[in-house]
């Protein structure tokens, strides 16, 4: 079972956690519903290629990476999304799409979205699609020691501010 390696690691560190078993879930919304977790506290793990090495980016499941901003934040010119075939062998005990955000277990640096790091607790896939682990964010930060970053992510459900209308341009109005 994929979760055993992670449970052993957490037990060795003396970290309290809850393992939630649920019906197989594959999307963030399905996982949040199945595990009864607030969507802002559900973490997703994205594997990137950074300067020729694989690294993890951990962010809210509802957030998206802004590649240009992430490059600036990490001080590099190019970051790419790692191909599943490239990293599958690094995670032999995990199902694809259910990677836990513990880079130390897999020899990778971990970068974490500051907004997720500021949540009181977080939850994440435990290595398979039917188990989710919930724990205090402070314990996660202590165990993983991720590099917390504030830029490089957006919430797609946030409406962008209205752009100014140039003088002389007609403004369109919606009628009810």
Foldseek 3Di string as FASTA:
>chain_A
DLLPVVVVLCVVVVFDKDKDFFDFDQALVRVCVGRVHDQQQEKFWFWKQDPNDIAIEIHRSQKDFDQVWVCVQVVHDDMGGDDCVVCCVLRVSADPRQDDQACVSRVHAYEYAVSNLPDQKHKGRSRGRGIIMIGGSVSVCVSRVHHYTHDGMDRVVDDDDDDDDDPPDDDDDDDD
